[in-house]
PDB file of all heavy atoms in Angstrom:
ATOM      1  N   VAL A   1     120.425 192.530 -45.013  1.00  0.00           N
ATOM      2  CA  VAL A   1     119.601 192.438 -43.813  1.00  0.00           C
ATOM      3  C   VAL A   1     120.289 191.513 -42.828  1.00  0.00           C
ATOM      4  O   VAL A   1     120.571 190.363 -43.153  1.00  0.00           O
ATOM      5  CB  VAL A   1     118.197 191.860 -44.153  1.00  0.00           C
ATOM      6  CG1 VAL A   1     117.319 191.856 -42.913  1.00  0.00           C
ATOM      7  CG2 VAL A   1     117.561 192.690 -45.246  1.00  0.00           C
ATOM      8  N   PRO A   2     120.609 191.976 -41.605  1.00  0.00           N
ATOM      9  CA  PRO A   2     121.251 191.086 -40.646  1.00  0.00           C
ATOM     10  C   PRO A   2     120.375 189.888 -40.337  1.00  0.00           C
ATOM     11  O   PRO A   2     119.166 190.021 -40.150  1.00  0.00           O
ATOM     12  CB  PRO A   2     121.418 191.974 -39.398  1.00  0.00           C
ATOM     13  CG  PRO A   2     121.297 193.378 -39.897  1.00  0.00           C
ATOM     14  CD  PRO A   2     120.369 193.309 -41.070  1.00  0.00           C
ATOM     15  N   VAL A   3     120.965 188.728 -40.281  1.00  0.00           N
ATOM     16  CA  VAL A   3     120.230 187.503 -39.959  1.00  0.00           C
ATOM     17  C   VAL A   3     120.677 187.017 -38.593  1.00  0.00           C
ATOM     18  O   VAL A   3     121.839 186.653 -38.419  1.00  0.00           O
ATOM     19  CB  VAL A   3     120.489 186.405 -41.008  1.00  0.00           C
ATOM     20  CG1 VAL A   3     119.690 185.154 -40.667  1.00  0.00           C
ATOM     21  CG2 VAL A   3     120.093 186.898 -42.381  1.00  0.00           C
ATOM     22  N   PRO A   4     119.811 187.021 -37.591  1.00  0.00           N
ATOM     23  CA  PRO A   4     120.217 186.622 -36.245  1.00  0.00           C
ATOM     24  C   PRO A   4     120.399 185.123 -36.130  1.00  0.00           C
ATOM     25  O   PRO A   4     119.913 184.356 -36.955  1.00  0.00           O
ATOM     26  CB  PRO A   4     119.032 187.094 -35.381  1.00  0.00           C
ATOM     27  CG  PRO A   4     117.861 187.030 -36.311  1.00  0.00           C
ATOM     28  CD  PRO A   4     118.397 187.389 -37.666  1.00  0.00           C
ATOM     29  N   GLU A   5     121.115 184.721 -35.096  1.00  0.00           N
ATOM     30  CA  GLU A   5     121.203 183.305 -34.775  1.00  0.00           C
ATOM     31  C   GLU A   5     119.843 182.847 -34.284  1.00  0.00           C
ATOM     32  O   GLU A   5     119.191 183.527 -33.481  1.00  0.00           O
ATOM     33  CB  GLU A   5     122.261 183.080 -33.679  1.00  0.00           C
ATOM     34  CG  GLU A   5     123.673 183.381 -34.128  1.00  0.00           C
ATOM     35  CD  GLU A   5     124.131 182.408 -35.191  1.00  0.00           C
ATOM     36  OE1 GLU A   5     123.768 181.218 -35.109  1.00  0.00           O
ATOM     37  OE2 GLU A   5     124.857 182.832 -36.103  1.00  0.00           O
ATOM     38  N   GLU A   6     119.404 181.675 -34.705  1.00  0.00           N
ATOM     39  CA  GLU A   6     118.046 181.248 -34.400  1.00  0.00           C
ATOM     40  C   GLU A   6     118.055 179.825 -33.846  1.00  0.00           C
ATOM     41  O   GLU A   6     118.171 178.855 -34.590  1.00  0.00           O
ATOM     42  CB  GLU A   6     117.186 181.298 -35.662  1.00  0.00           C
ATOM     43  CG  GLU A   6     117.088 182.707 -36.226  1.00  0.00           C
ATOM     44  CD  GLU A   6     116.318 182.730 -37.516  1.00  0.00           C
ATOM     45  OE1 GLU A   6     116.665 181.971 -38.424  1.00  0.00           O
ATOM     46  OE2 GLU A   6     115.355 183.503 -37.595  1.00  0.00           O
ATOM     47  N   PRO A   7     117.951 179.671 -32.529  1.00  0.00           N
ATOM     48  CA  PRO A   7     117.975 178.353 -31.927  1.00  0.00           C
ATOM     49  C   PRO A   7     116.609 177.697 -31.912  1.00  0.00           C
ATOM     50  O   PRO A   7     115.603 178.285 -32.297  1.00  0.00           O
ATOM     51  CB  PRO A   7     118.441 178.667 -30.498  1.00  0.00           C
ATOM     52  CG  PRO A   7     117.839 180.026 -30.223  1.00  0.00           C
ATOM     53  CD  PRO A   7     117.874 180.754 -31.535  1.00  0.00           C
ATOM     54  N   GLY A   8     116.610 176.476 -31.430  1.00  0.00           N
ATOM     55  CA  GLY A   8     115.359 175.785 -31.142  1.00  0.00           C
ATOM     56  C   GLY A   8     114.481 175.575 -32.338  1.00  0.00           C
ATOM     57  O   GLY A   8     114.918 175.133 -33.387  1.00  0.00           O
ATOM     58  N   ASP A   9     113.189 175.893 -32.176  1.00  0.00           N
ATOM     59  CA  ASP A   9     112.200 175.665 -33.211  1.00  0.00           C
ATOM     60  C   ASP A   9     111.999 176.877 -34.120  1.00  0.00           C
ATOM     61  O   ASP A   9     111.043 176.921 -34.881  1.00  0.00           O
ATOM     62  CB  ASP A   9     110.852 175.290 -32.569  1.00  0.00           C
ATOM     63  CG  ASP A   9     110.870 173.873 -32.016  1.00  0.00           C
ATOM     64  OD1 ASP A   9     111.772 173.110 -32.403  1.00  0.00           O
ATOM     65  OD2 ASP A   9     110.004 173.549 -31.189  1.00  0.00           O
ATOM     66  N   VAL A  10     112.844 177.854 -34.038  1.00  0.00           N
ATOM     67  CA  VAL A  10     112.738 179.016 -34.911  1.00  0.00           C
ATOM     68  C   VAL A  10     113.287 178.639 -36.281  1.00  0.00           C
ATOM     69  O   VAL A  10     114.348 178.046 -36.405  1.00  0.00           O
ATOM     70  CB  VAL A  10     113.522 180.208 -34.319  1.00  0.00           C
ATOM     71  CG1 VAL A  10     113.433 181.412 -35.253  1.00  0.00           C
ATOM     72  CG2 VAL A  10     113.001 180.556 -32.940  1.00  0.00           C
ATOM     73  N   LEU A  11     112.565 178.984 -37.327  1.00  0.00           N
ATOM     74  CA  LEU A  11     113.009 178.663 -38.681  1.00  0.00           C
ATOM     75  C   LEU A  11     114.203 179.522 -39.068  1.00  0.00           C
ATOM     76  O   LEU A  11     114.231 180.721 -38.797  1.00  0.00           O
ATOM     77  CB  LEU A  11     111.877 178.896 -39.678  1.00  0.00           C
ATOM     78  CG  LEU A  11     110.625 178.030 -39.538  1.00  0.00           C
ATOM     79  CD1 LEU A  11     109.630 178.382 -40.645  1.00  0.00           C
ATOM     80  CD2 LEU A  11     110.968 176.559 -39.590  1.00  0.00           C
ATOM     81  N   SER A  12     115.162 178.893 -39.704  1.00  0.00           N
ATOM     82  CA  SER A  12     116.296 179.643 -40.226  1.00  0.00           C
ATOM     83  C   SER A  12     115.854 180.426 -41.453  1.00  0.00           C
ATOM     84  O   SER A  12     114.760 180.212 -42.001  1.00  0.00           O
ATOM     85  CB  SER A  12     117.442 178.704 -40.595  1.00  0.00           C
ATOM     86  OG  SER A  12     117.099 177.954 -41.754  1.00  0.00           O
ATOM     87  N   GLU A  13     116.730 181.330 -41.907  1.00  0.00           N
ATOM     88  CA  GLU A  13     116.419 182.122 -43.106  1.00  0.00           C
ATOM     89  C   GLU A  13     116.145 181.206 -44.301  1.00  0.00           C
ATOM     90  O   GLU A  13     115.178 181.391 -45.038  1.00  0.00           O
ATOM     91  CB  GLU A  13     117.597 183.057 -43.408  1.00  0.00           C
ATOM     92  CG  GLU A  13     117.417 183.837 -44.696  1.00  0.00           C
ATOM     93  CD  GLU A  13     118.748 184.376 -45.211  1.00  0.00           C
ATOM     94  OE1 GLU A  13     119.790 184.134 -44.569  1.00  0.00           O
ATOM     95  OE2 GLU A  13     118.739 185.006 -46.266  1.00  0.00           O
ATOM     96  N   ALA A  14     117.009 180.203 -44.491  1.00  0.00           N
ATOM     97  CA  ALA A  14     116.853 179.300 -45.630  1.00  0.00           C
ATOM     98  C   ALA A  14     115.560 178.503 -45.517  1.00  0.00           C
ATOM     99  O   ALA A  14     114.855 178.288 -46.511  1.00  0.00           O
ATOM    100  CB  ALA A  14     118.047 178.361 -45.717  1.00  0.00           C
ATOM    101  N   GLU A  15     115.244 178.060 -44.307  1.00  0.00           N
ATOM    102  CA  GLU A  15     114.005 177.293 -44.106  1.00  0.00           C
ATOM    103  C   GLU A  15     112.777 178.146 -44.368  1.00  0.00           C
ATOM    104  O   GLU A  15     111.779 177.669 -44.928  1.00  0.00           O
ATOM    105  CB  GLU A  15     113.990 176.731 -42.682  1.00  0.00           C
ATOM    106  CG  GLU A  15     115.004 175.621 -42.460  1.00  0.00           C
ATOM    107  CD  GLU A  15     115.296 175.350 -41.006  1.00  0.00           C
ATOM    108  OE1 GLU A  15     114.745 176.068 -40.129  1.00  0.00           O
ATOM    109  OE2 GLU A  15     116.085 174.432 -40.728  1.00  0.00           O
ATOM    110  N   ARG A  16     112.823 179.421 -43.993  1.00  0.00           N
ATOM    111  CA  ARG A  16     111.690 180.314 -44.252  1.00  0.00           C
ATOM    112  C   ARG A  16     111.462 180.491 -45.747  1.00  0.00           C
ATOM    113  O   ARG A  16     110.327 180.502 -46.226  1.00  0.00           O
ATOM    114  CB  ARG A  16     111.941 181.688 -43.604  1.00  0.00           C
ATOM    115  CG  ARG A  16     111.709 181.709 -42.103  1.00  0.00           C
ATOM    116  CD  ARG A  16     111.632 183.149 -41.585  1.00  0.00           C
ATOM    117  NE  ARG A  16     112.894 183.854 -41.760  1.00  0.00           N
ATOM    118  CZ  ARG A  16     113.889 183.860 -40.878  1.00  0.00           C
ATOM    119  NH1 ARG A  16     113.764 183.156 -39.781  1.00  0.00           N
ATOM    120  NH2 ARG A  16     114.978 184.552 -41.097  1.00  0.00           N
ATOM    121  N   ARG A  17     112.564 180.640 -46.492  1.00  0.00           N
ATOM    122  CA  ARG A  17     112.420 180.827 -47.943  1.00  0.00           C
ATOM    123  C   ARG A  17     111.787 179.602 -48.579  1.00  0.00           C
ATOM    124  O   ARG A  17     110.868 179.715 -49.406  1.00  0.00           O
ATOM    125  CB  ARG A  17     113.795 181.105 -48.561  1.00  0.00           C
ATOM    126  CG  ARG A  17     114.445 182.392 -48.117  1.00  0.00           C
ATOM    127  CD  ARG A  17     115.529 182.826 -49.098  1.00  0.00           C
ATOM    128  NE  ARG A  17     116.565 181.824 -49.277  1.00  0.00           N
ATOM    129  CZ  ARG A  17     117.697 181.780 -48.589  1.00  0.00           C
ATOM    130  NH1 ARG A  17     117.916 182.681 -47.644  1.00  0.00           N
ATOM    131  NH2 ARG A  17     118.612 180.856 -48.835  1.00  0.00           N
ATOM    132  N   VAL A  18     112.287 178.428 -48.211  1.00  0.00           N
ATOM    133  CA  VAL A  18     111.754 177.183 -48.775  1.00  0.00           C
ATOM    134  C   VAL A  18     110.297 177.000 -48.356  1.00  0.00           C
ATOM    135  O   VAL A  18     109.436 176.648 -49.173  1.00  0.00           O
ATOM    136  CB  VAL A  18     112.616 175.988 -48.331  1.00  0.00           C
ATOM    137  CG1 VAL A  18     111.938 174.672 -48.698  1.00  0.00           C
ATOM    138  CG2 VAL A  18     113.998 176.055 -48.963  1.00  0.00           C
ATOM    139  N   ALA A  19     110.006 177.248 -47.077  1.00  0.00           N
ATOM    140  CA  ALA A  19     108.638 177.059 -46.573  1.00  0.00           C
ATOM    141  C   ALA A  19     107.658 177.991 -47.273  1.00  0.00           C
ATOM    142  O   ALA A  19     106.534 177.591 -47.617  1.00  0.00           O
ATOM    143  CB  ALA A  19     108.609 177.288 -45.065  1.00  0.00           C
ATOM    144  N   ALA A  20     108.072 179.233 -47.494  1.00  0.00           N
ATOM    145  CA  ALA A  20     107.184 180.200 -48.143  1.00  0.00           C
ATOM    146  C   ALA A  20     106.814 179.757 -49.553  1.00  0.00           C
ATOM    147  O   ALA A  20     105.648 179.829 -49.964  1.00  0.00           O
ATOM    148  CB  ALA A  20     107.844 181.573 -48.171  1.00  0.00           C
ATOM    149  N   LEU A  21     107.802 179.271 -50.296  1.00  0.00           N
ATOM    150  CA  LEU A  21     107.532 178.817 -51.665  1.00  0.00           C
ATOM    151  C   LEU A  21     106.702 177.542 -51.673  1.00  0.00           C
ATOM    152  O   LEU A  21     105.805 177.376 -52.512  1.00  0.00           O
ATOM    153  CB  LEU A  21     108.849 178.609 -52.407  1.00  0.00           C
ATOM    154  CG  LEU A  21     109.624 179.892 -52.729  1.00  0.00           C
ATOM    155  CD1 LEU A  21     111.013 179.565 -53.267  1.00  0.00           C
ATOM    156  CD2 LEU A  21     108.858 180.745 -53.731  1.00  0.00           C
ATOM    157  N   ALA A  22     106.988 176.634 -50.746  1.00  0.00           N
ATOM    158  CA  ALA A  22     106.203 175.395 -50.665  1.00  0.00           C
ATOM    159  C   ALA A  22     104.752 175.707 -50.320  1.00  0.00           C
ATOM    160  O   ALA A  22     103.824 175.084 -50.857  1.00  0.00           O
ATOM    161  CB  ALA A  22     106.813 174.456 -49.631  1.00  0.00           C
ATOM    162  N   ALA A  23     104.549 176.664 -49.427  1.00  0.00           N
ATOM    163  CA  ALA A  23     103.185 177.044 -49.046  1.00  0.00           C
ATOM    164  C   ALA A  23     102.432 177.668 -50.207  1.00  0.00           C
ATOM    165  O   ALA A  23     101.196 177.596 -50.275  1.00  0.00           O
ATOM    166  CB  ALA A  23     103.230 178.018 -47.867  1.00  0.00           C
ATOM    167  N   GLN A  24     103.154 178.273 -51.151  1.00  0.00           N
ATOM    168  CA  GLN A  24     102.519 178.860 -52.328  1.00  0.00           C
ATOM    169  C   GLN A  24     102.218 177.831 -53.411  1.00  0.00           C
ATOM    170  O   GLN A  24     101.679 178.170 -54.457  1.00  0.00           O
ATOM    171  CB  GLN A  24     103.426 179.950 -52.907  1.00  0.00           C
ATOM    172  CG  GLN A  24     103.605 181.154 -51.997  1.00  0.00           C
ATOM    173  CD  GLN A  24     104.723 182.074 -52.451  1.00  0.00           C
ATOM    174  OE1 GLN A  24     105.153 182.021 -53.601  1.00  0.00           O
ATOM    175  NE2 GLN A  24     105.212 182.906 -51.545  1.00  0.00           N
ATOM    176  N   GLY A  25     102.611 176.568 -53.159  1.00  0.00           N
ATOM    177  CA  GLY A  25     102.294 175.505 -54.100  1.00  0.00           C
ATOM    178  C   GLY A  25     103.419 175.099 -55.024  1.00  0.00           C
ATOM    179  O   GLY A  25     103.220 174.284 -55.929  1.00  0.00           O
ATOM    180  N   HIS A  26     104.613 175.636 -54.834  1.00  0.00           N
ATOM    181  CA  HIS A  26     105.751 175.262 -55.672  1.00  0.00           C
ATOM    182  C   HIS A  26     106.198 173.835 -55.362  1.00  0.00           C
ATOM    183  O   HIS A  26     106.182 173.398 -54.212  1.00  0.00           O
ATOM    184  CB  HIS A  26     106.936 176.209 -55.441  1.00  0.00           C
ATOM    185  CG  HIS A  26     106.710 177.597 -55.943  1.00  0.00           C
ATOM    186  ND1 HIS A  26     105.803 178.476 -55.371  1.00  0.00           N
ATOM    187  CD2 HIS A  26     107.282 178.275 -56.967  1.00  0.00           C
ATOM    188  CE1 HIS A  26     105.840 179.625 -56.019  1.00  0.00           C
ATOM    189  NE2 HIS A  26     106.718 179.531 -56.989  1.00  0.00           N
ATOM    190  N   THR A  27     106.606 173.114 -56.380  1.00  0.00           N
ATOM    191  CA  THR A  27     107.188 171.788 -56.182  1.00  0.00           C
ATOM    192  C   THR A  27     108.627 171.931 -55.695  1.00  0.00           C
ATOM    193  O   THR A  27     109.222 173.016 -55.778  1.00  0.00           O
ATOM    194  CB  THR A  27     107.190 170.977 -57.481  1.00  0.00           C
ATOM    195  OG1 THR A  27     108.088 171.608 -58.414  1.00  0.00           O
ATOM    196  CG2 THR A  27     105.791 170.899 -58.091  1.00  0.00           C
ATOM    197  N   ASN A  28     109.186 170.823 -55.199  1.00  0.00           N
ATOM    198  CA  ASN A  28     110.574 170.870 -54.737  1.00  0.00           C
ATOM    199  C   ASN A  28     111.526 171.283 -55.854  1.00  0.00           C
ATOM    200  O   ASN A  28     112.477 172.032 -55.633  1.00  0.00           O
ATOM    201  CB  ASN A  28     110.996 169.507 -54.175  1.00  0.00           C
ATOM    202  CG  ASN A  28     110.327 169.209 -52.844  1.00  0.00           C
ATOM    203  OD1 ASN A  28     109.521 170.004 -52.353  1.00  0.00           O
ATOM    204  ND2 ASN A  28     110.648 168.080 -52.253  1.00  0.00           N
ATOM    205  N   ARG A  29     111.285 170.790 -57.069  1.00  0.00           N
ATOM    206  CA  ARG A  29     112.157 171.145 -58.178  1.00  0.00           C
ATOM    207  C   ARG A  29     112.011 172.622 -58.533  1.00  0.00           C
ATOM    208  O   ARG A  29     112.994 173.286 -58.866  1.00  0.00           O
ATOM    209  CB  ARG A  29     111.852 170.260 -59.393  1.00  0.00           C
ATOM    210  CG  ARG A  29     112.795 170.484 -60.570  1.00  0.00           C
ATOM    211  CD  ARG A  29     112.764 169.334 -61.539  1.00  0.00           C
ATOM    212  NE  ARG A  29     113.265 168.102 -60.949  1.00  0.00           N
ATOM    213  CZ  ARG A  29     114.555 167.820 -60.797  1.00  0.00           C
ATOM    214  NH1 ARG A  29     115.478 168.683 -61.181  1.00  0.00           N
ATOM    215  NH2 ARG A  29     114.918 166.677 -60.261  1.00  0.00           N
TER     216      ARG A  29
END
C-alpha cells in the first residue's frame, strides 16, 4: 500500500499503528 508523505499534525503510518494498539488497551511492551 503506498504511504504518502504526511506533514504537520497528520499521523505517520508507524504512529497510526502504535496509536491503534494503545487505544485498544495494549501496554507499551
